[in-house]
Amino acid sequence: MERGAASLASWAAGIRAAHERIAPHVRRTPVEPSPWLSAATGAEVWVKLESHQITGSFKARGAVNRVLAADLETRRRGFVAASTGNHGAALAYAAGLVGAPATVFVPATADPDKVRRLRASAVRVEVAGQDCVEAEAAARAAARSEGATYVSPYNDPAVVAGQGTVGRELAAQVPGLDAVFVALGGGGLLGGCAAWLKAARPGTEIVACSPRNSAVMMRSLAAGRILDLPSLPTLSDGTAGGVEPGAITFELCRELIDRQVEVEEAAIAWALRAFVGHHHALIEGAAAVPIAALLAMERNFAGRKVAVVLCGANIAPAKLGEILRDEALPPA
């Protein structure tokens, strides 16, 4: 128990330092009450709008912290990442702050709209492989051969600390939270947020939310080890993909997650459409996952103060239009 407390204190210190480092370069995103979700669940529900973040995603926080924490020689050698969109855009922004070279490897299956936006930035874009695993392997090989630094979207303490600033802001904006719903992919956002929230208020319940079609971290936590599993297509492309061996977020998630919820694709689509209709604001598929999870819990959180972290707003216009035109009733 003491070891866990010491670990949380260490993470909290890293998150505090990350906040000081990145504050001039990222947005302190707003929170707002959700009368719709409050009425549906009986809880006092707040939403944290990382959808308003620079680059349209929370991932700017981790990438900026990673790049700004690097020494001058590391910056000169440059940075490499593998991404389906959001992490790559975040690295492009972060590297641009210091004039460092950056290369992003994307799989051939990546969303064309996100790839176009990447190509419009200052980074070099390389297409490699048919999925995230193959793109990552190519990115790591390139980093080794070029002497550059590979930046993982979650398996890097500086990145996780940067993502944890979301939790730091949220705790200050909405004190006394009983539960926080966060999308779970590789665990960078959830692990960072949970580390701060648990250090500040140990009784806060951390609810991990994943699409059933790609819940690799959840399956790994259930098995007690990181699994190599395939993923089915999902609207939540921001959380899709595997978990790399030895990921630091595995232990963070195992220690800090209190509850896990998996949601179907129909529920994700309906949650996205309903949020846009009620809040008149844009979110992406991954951001709809914790909304769908909260709705699936029905009134389990009635009378409690709850926050939902909305991780981003990067969604292809064609996909968004398809979802908004769908008149399907709420999933049973």
Protein backbone atom coordinates (compact mmCIF):
# COMPACT_ATOMS: atom_id res chain seq x y z
CA MET A 1 0.00 0.00 0.00
CA GLU A 2 2.82 2.38 0.88
CA ARG A 3 4.54 1.53 -2.36
CA GLY A 4 1.36 2.41 -4.26
CA ALA A 5 1.03 5.71 -2.39
CA ALA A 6 4.66 6.55 -3.11
CA SER A 7 4.13 5.74 -6.78
CA LEU A 8 1.08 8.01 -6.94
CA ALA A 9 3.04 10.81 -5.28
CA SER A 10 5.77 10.41 -7.89
CA TRP A 11 3.26 10.51 -10.73
CA ALA A 12 1.56 13.55 -9.21
CA ALA A 13 4.91 15.36 -9.06
CA GLY A 14 5.53 14.53 -12.71
CA ILE A 15 2.07 15.76 -13.69
CA ARG A 16 2.59 18.98 -11.73
CA ALA A 17 5.89 19.57 -13.56
CA ALA A 18 4.23 18.76 -16.89
CA HIS A 19 1.53 21.32 -16.19
CA GLU A 20 4.11 24.05 -15.62
CA ARG A 21 6.00 23.03 -18.76
CA ILE A 22 3.12 22.82 -21.21
CA ALA A 23 0.73 25.48 -19.87
CA PRO A 24 1.86 28.20 -22.32
CA HIS A 25 1.37 25.87 -25.28
CA VAL A 26 -1.92 24.01 -24.70
CA ARG A 27 -5.43 25.03 -23.77
CA ARG A 28 -6.99 24.74 -20.34
CA THR A 29 -10.07 23.11 -21.75
CA PRO A 30 -13.51 23.93 -20.34
CA VAL A 31 -15.89 21.76 -18.40
CA GLU A 32 -19.63 22.18 -18.62
CA PRO A 33 -22.64 20.55 -16.99
CA SER A 34 -24.67 18.12 -19.06
CA PRO A 35 -28.38 18.50 -18.23
CA TRP A 36 -29.10 15.73 -20.76
CA LEU A 37 -26.79 13.15 -19.16
CA SER A 38 -27.81 14.26 -15.68
CA ALA A 39 -31.48 13.67 -16.48
CA ALA A 40 -30.74 10.30 -18.08
CA THR A 41 -28.66 8.98 -15.18
CA GLY A 42 -29.79 10.83 -12.06
CA ALA A 43 -26.20 11.93 -11.49
CA GLU A 44 -24.70 15.41 -11.52
CA VAL A 45 -22.78 15.02 -14.79
CA TRP A 46 -20.00 17.25 -16.07
CA VAL A 47 -18.13 16.90 -19.35
CA LYS A 48 -14.45 17.82 -19.80
CA LEU A 49 -14.04 19.13 -23.34
CA GLU A 50 -10.63 17.98 -24.54
CA SER A 51 -12.40 18.12 -27.88
CA HIS A 52 -11.52 21.85 -27.69
CA GLN A 53 -7.79 21.14 -27.29
CA ILE A 54 -5.13 22.27 -29.77
CA THR A 55 -4.97 19.70 -32.62
CA GLY A 56 -8.46 18.58 -31.56
CA SER A 57 -7.28 16.00 -29.05
CA PHE A 58 -5.85 15.58 -25.54
CA LYS A 59 -2.75 14.06 -27.13
CA ALA A 60 -1.22 17.50 -27.63
CA ARG A 61 -0.52 17.54 -23.89
CA GLY A 62 1.63 14.42 -23.80
CA ALA A 63 3.50 15.18 -27.01
CA VAL A 64 4.32 18.74 -25.94
CA ASN A 65 5.57 17.56 -22.56
CA ARG A 66 7.72 14.86 -24.17
CA VAL A 67 9.32 17.25 -26.67
CA LEU A 68 9.85 20.15 -24.26
CA ALA A 69 11.39 17.82 -21.67
CA ALA A 70 14.00 16.63 -24.20
CA ASP A 71 17.49 18.13 -24.29
CA LEU A 72 18.79 20.11 -27.25
CA GLU A 73 20.65 17.18 -28.80
CA THR A 74 17.58 14.96 -28.64
CA ARG A 75 15.54 17.68 -30.28
CA ARG A 76 18.15 18.10 -33.00
CA ARG A 77 18.03 14.39 -33.84
CA GLY A 78 14.27 14.56 -34.13
CA PHE A 79 11.25 12.50 -33.18
CA VAL A 80 9.38 9.60 -34.76
CA ALA A 81 5.90 8.26 -34.05
CA ALA A 82 3.35 5.81 -35.40
CA SER A 83 -0.20 7.10 -35.52
CA THR A 84 -3.62 6.81 -37.10
CA GLY A 85 -4.00 10.56 -36.73
CA ASN A 86 -4.30 12.23 -33.32
CA HIS A 87 -0.90 11.31 -31.87
CA GLY A 88 0.79 12.24 -35.13
CA ALA A 89 -0.90 15.64 -35.21
CA ALA A 90 0.12 16.19 -31.60
CA LEU A 91 3.75 15.35 -32.32
CA ALA A 92 3.71 17.64 -35.37
CA TYR A 93 2.51 20.51 -33.20
CA ALA A 94 4.99 19.77 -30.39
CA ALA A 95 8.00 19.41 -32.67
CA GLY A 96 7.03 22.62 -34.42
CA LEU A 97 7.25 24.52 -31.14
CA VAL A 98 11.01 23.91 -30.97
CA GLY A 99 11.78 23.51 -34.66
CA ALA A 100 12.60 19.81 -34.31
CA PRO A 101 12.25 17.40 -37.25
CA ALA A 102 9.51 14.79 -36.90
CA THR A 103 8.32 11.80 -38.91
CA VAL A 104 4.97 10.06 -38.51
CA PHE A 105 4.35 6.54 -39.81
CA VAL A 106 0.74 5.73 -40.64
CA PRO A 107 -0.80 2.42 -41.72
CA ALA A 108 -2.37 2.20 -45.15
CA THR A 109 -5.74 1.79 -43.43
CA ALA A 110 -5.55 5.13 -41.57
CA ASP A 111 -8.38 7.61 -42.03
CA PRO A 112 -7.59 9.53 -45.25
CA ASP A 113 -8.85 12.81 -43.80
CA LYS A 114 -6.50 12.57 -40.82
CA VAL A 115 -3.59 11.63 -43.10
CA ARG A 116 -4.29 14.66 -45.29
CA ARG A 117 -4.16 16.92 -42.26
CA LEU A 118 -0.87 15.36 -41.21
CA ARG A 119 0.61 15.93 -44.65
CA ALA A 120 -0.43 19.58 -44.44
CA SER A 121 1.70 20.00 -41.29
CA ALA A 122 5.48 20.24 -41.04
CA VAL A 123 6.06 16.52 -40.36
CA ARG A 124 7.24 13.92 -42.82
CA VAL A 125 4.55 11.28 -43.34
CA GLU A 126 5.44 7.68 -44.22
CA VAL A 127 2.86 5.01 -45.03
CA ALA A 128 3.91 1.62 -43.69
CA GLY A 129 1.99 -1.61 -43.14
CA GLN A 130 -1.68 -2.46 -42.99
CA ASP A 131 -2.28 -1.82 -39.29
CA CYS A 132 -0.99 0.03 -36.24
CA VAL A 133 1.37 -2.78 -35.25
CA GLU A 134 3.16 -2.78 -38.60
CA ALA A 135 3.33 1.02 -38.70
CA GLU A 136 4.81 1.06 -35.20
CA ALA A 137 7.45 -1.52 -36.14
CA ALA A 138 8.48 0.62 -39.12
CA ALA A 139 8.58 3.75 -36.97
CA ARG A 140 10.78 2.13 -34.34
CA ALA A 141 13.15 0.81 -37.01
CA ALA A 142 13.41 4.27 -38.56
CA ALA A 143 14.09 5.88 -35.18
CA ARG A 144 16.92 3.43 -34.51
CA SER A 145 18.51 3.90 -37.93
CA GLU A 146 18.24 7.70 -37.83
CA GLY A 147 19.20 8.16 -34.18
CA ALA A 148 15.86 9.83 -33.52
CA THR A 149 13.57 9.38 -30.50
CA TYR A 150 10.51 7.18 -30.87
CA VAL A 151 7.56 8.76 -29.05
CA SER A 152 4.96 6.25 -27.88
CA PRO A 153 1.41 7.56 -27.44
CA TYR A 154 1.27 5.93 -23.99
CA ASN A 155 4.40 3.94 -23.08
CA ASP A 156 6.45 6.97 -22.01
CA PRO A 157 6.40 8.60 -18.55
CA ALA A 158 6.60 12.13 -19.99
CA VAL A 159 3.67 11.46 -22.30
CA VAL A 160 1.55 9.96 -19.52
CA ALA A 161 2.39 12.88 -17.22
CA GLY A 162 1.31 15.29 -19.94
CA GLN A 163 -1.99 13.47 -20.37
CA GLY A 164 -2.39 13.52 -16.60
CA THR A 165 -2.74 17.30 -16.70
CA VAL A 166 -6.30 16.65 -17.92
CA GLY A 167 -7.04 15.10 -14.53
CA ARG A 168 -5.29 17.94 -12.71
CA GLU A 169 -7.43 20.53 -14.46
CA LEU A 170 -10.60 18.53 -13.98
CA ALA A 171 -10.07 18.12 -10.24
CA ALA A 172 -9.65 21.89 -9.88
CA GLN A 173 -12.62 22.72 -12.12
CA VAL A 174 -15.07 20.28 -10.50
CA PRO A 175 -14.00 19.55 -6.90
CA GLY A 176 -15.35 16.52 -5.08
CA LEU A 177 -15.88 14.19 -8.01
CA ASP A 178 -17.22 10.77 -7.08
CA ALA A 179 -16.46 9.10 -10.43
CA VAL A 180 -14.69 9.86 -13.70
CA PHE A 181 -15.38 8.04 -16.98
CA VAL A 182 -12.41 7.87 -19.37
CA ALA A 183 -11.89 6.07 -22.68
CA LEU A 184 -9.26 3.32 -22.50
CA GLY A 185 -6.95 2.47 -25.38
CA GLY A 186 -3.27 2.18 -24.51
CA GLY A 187 -3.94 3.78 -21.15
CA GLY A 188 -2.04 7.07 -21.45
CA LEU A 189 -5.02 9.33 -20.81
CA LEU A 190 -6.69 7.07 -18.28
CA GLY A 191 -3.45 6.25 -16.44
CA GLY A 192 -2.37 9.87 -16.20
CA CYS A 193 -5.78 11.15 -15.14
CA ALA A 194 -6.28 8.36 -12.64
CA ALA A 195 -2.85 8.92 -11.07
CA TRP A 196 -3.65 12.55 -10.32
CA LEU A 197 -7.26 11.97 -9.28
CA LYS A 198 -6.43 9.07 -6.96
CA ALA A 199 -3.54 11.00 -5.39
CA ALA A 200 -5.78 14.01 -4.78
CA ARG A 201 -8.96 12.15 -3.76
CA PRO A 202 -8.41 8.38 -3.29
CA GLY A 203 -12.14 7.64 -3.19
CA THR A 204 -12.73 8.86 -6.74
CA GLU A 205 -13.97 5.93 -8.82
CA ILE A 206 -12.15 5.50 -12.13
CA VAL A 207 -14.34 3.95 -14.82
CA ALA A 208 -12.49 2.64 -17.87
CA CYS A 209 -14.51 2.60 -21.08
CA SER A 210 -13.65 0.69 -24.26
CA PRO A 211 -15.33 -0.31 -27.51
CA ARG A 212 -16.07 -4.03 -27.44
CA ASN A 213 -14.51 -4.30 -30.91
CA SER A 214 -11.12 -3.16 -29.60
CA ALA A 215 -10.70 -3.72 -25.87
CA VAL A 216 -7.15 -5.07 -25.81
CA MET A 217 -6.10 -3.39 -22.57
CA MET A 218 -9.24 -4.62 -20.81
CA ARG A 219 -8.66 -8.18 -22.01
CA SER A 220 -5.04 -7.90 -20.92
CA LEU A 221 -6.00 -6.68 -17.46
CA ALA A 222 -8.40 -9.60 -17.11
CA ALA A 223 -5.65 -12.02 -18.13
CA GLY A 224 -3.06 -10.42 -15.85
CA ARG A 225 -0.64 -9.89 -18.73
CA ILE A 226 -0.42 -7.93 -21.96
CA LEU A 227 -2.06 -9.88 -24.76
CA ASP A 228 -1.49 -9.71 -28.50
CA LEU A 229 -5.04 -9.59 -29.84
CA PRO A 230 -6.63 -8.49 -33.11
CA SER A 231 -9.04 -5.57 -33.18
CA LEU A 232 -12.23 -5.27 -35.19
CA PRO A 233 -13.15 -1.99 -36.90
CA THR A 234 -14.52 0.61 -34.50
CA LEU A 235 -15.78 4.19 -34.54
CA SER A 236 -13.40 4.69 -31.65
CA ASP A 237 -10.28 4.71 -33.82
CA GLY A 238 -8.52 6.89 -31.24
CA THR A 239 -8.48 3.97 -28.79
CA ALA A 240 -8.06 1.15 -31.30
CA GLY A 241 -5.03 -1.11 -31.55
CA GLY A 242 -2.84 -3.24 -29.35
CA VAL A 243 -0.77 -2.62 -26.24
CA GLU A 244 2.98 -2.87 -26.60
CA PRO A 245 4.88 -5.36 -24.40
CA GLY A 246 6.13 -3.83 -21.17
CA ALA A 247 3.81 -0.81 -21.39
CA ILE A 248 4.05 1.25 -18.20
CA THR A 249 0.34 1.96 -18.41
CA PHE A 250 -0.55 -1.68 -17.81
CA GLU A 251 0.42 -1.53 -14.13
CA LEU A 252 -1.10 1.93 -13.74
CA CYS A 253 -4.40 0.70 -15.11
CA ARG A 254 -4.31 -2.51 -13.08
CA GLU A 255 -3.78 -0.52 -9.89
CA LEU A 256 -6.10 2.42 -10.49
CA ILE A 257 -9.14 1.27 -12.51
CA ASP A 258 -12.17 0.57 -10.33
CA ARG A 259 -14.68 -0.45 -12.98
CA GLN A 260 -14.58 -1.46 -16.65
CA VAL A 261 -17.34 -1.00 -19.21
CA GLU A 262 -17.38 -2.21 -22.81
CA VAL A 263 -19.80 -0.72 -25.33
CA GLU A 264 -21.06 -1.80 -28.74
CA GLU A 265 -20.63 0.19 -31.95
CA ALA A 266 -24.34 1.08 -32.10
CA ALA A 267 -24.13 2.58 -28.62
CA ILE A 268 -21.06 4.63 -29.55
CA ALA A 269 -22.74 6.00 -32.66
CA TRP A 270 -25.93 6.86 -30.79
CA ALA A 271 -24.01 8.56 -27.96
CA LEU A 272 -22.07 10.68 -30.45
CA ARG A 273 -25.21 11.72 -32.30
CA ALA A 274 -27.07 12.48 -29.09
CA PHE A 275 -24.20 14.53 -27.65
CA VAL A 276 -23.95 16.67 -30.78
CA GLY A 277 -27.70 17.20 -30.66
CA HIS A 278 -27.83 18.15 -26.98
CA HIS A 279 -24.56 20.08 -26.61
CA HIS A 280 -24.18 21.47 -30.14
CA ALA A 281 -20.50 20.56 -30.06
CA LEU A 282 -18.36 18.14 -32.06
CA ILE A 283 -16.72 15.01 -30.66
CA GLU A 284 -15.06 11.97 -32.22
CA GLY A 285 -15.89 8.30 -31.78
CA ALA A 286 -13.45 7.73 -28.91
CA ALA A 287 -15.04 10.60 -26.98
CA ALA A 288 -18.46 9.02 -27.37
CA VAL A 289 -17.28 5.78 -25.72
CA PRO A 290 -17.40 7.02 -22.09
CA ILE A 291 -20.75 8.71 -22.78
CA ALA A 292 -22.13 5.39 -24.02
CA ALA A 293 -20.63 3.66 -20.99
CA LEU A 294 -22.27 6.07 -18.55
CA LEU A 295 -25.63 5.63 -20.28
CA ALA A 296 -25.20 1.84 -20.15
CA MET A 297 -24.81 2.07 -16.37
CA GLU A 298 -28.34 3.55 -16.30
CA ARG A 299 -28.90 4.96 -12.79
CA ASN A 300 -25.99 3.25 -11.01
CA PHE A 301 -24.45 6.67 -10.33
CA ALA A 302 -27.66 8.47 -9.33
CA GLY A 303 -27.05 11.17 -6.74
CA ARG A 304 -23.30 11.23 -7.38
CA LYS A 305 -21.04 13.83 -8.98
CA VAL A 306 -19.62 12.39 -12.20
CA ALA A 307 -17.31 13.66 -14.94
CA VAL A 308 -16.90 12.32 -18.46
CA VAL A 309 -13.64 13.10 -20.26
CA LEU A 310 -14.29 13.80 -23.96
CA CYS A 311 -10.91 13.07 -25.48
CA GLY A 312 -11.14 14.65 -28.93
CA ALA A 313 -13.10 15.95 -31.90
CA ASN A 314 -11.25 14.59 -34.92
CA ILE A 315 -13.71 12.67 -37.05
CA ALA A 316 -13.96 12.40 -40.83
CA PRO A 317 -16.77 14.59 -42.22
CA ALA A 318 -18.23 11.68 -44.19
CA LYS A 319 -18.36 9.47 -41.10
CA LEU A 320 -19.86 12.26 -39.01
CA GLY A 321 -22.54 12.86 -41.63
CA GLU A 322 -23.37 9.16 -41.72
CA ILE A 323 -23.83 9.06 -37.95
CA LEU A 324 -25.89 12.25 -37.78
CA ARG A 325 -28.24 11.00 -40.50
CA ASP A 326 -28.88 7.74 -38.65
CA GLU A 327 -32.33 7.94 -37.07
CA ALA A 328 -31.86 4.76 -35.05
CA LEU A 329 -33.42 4.67 -31.60
CA PRO A 330 -31.19 4.48 -28.52
CA PRO A 331 -29.69 0.99 -28.11
CA ALA A 332 -31.56 -1.25 -25.69
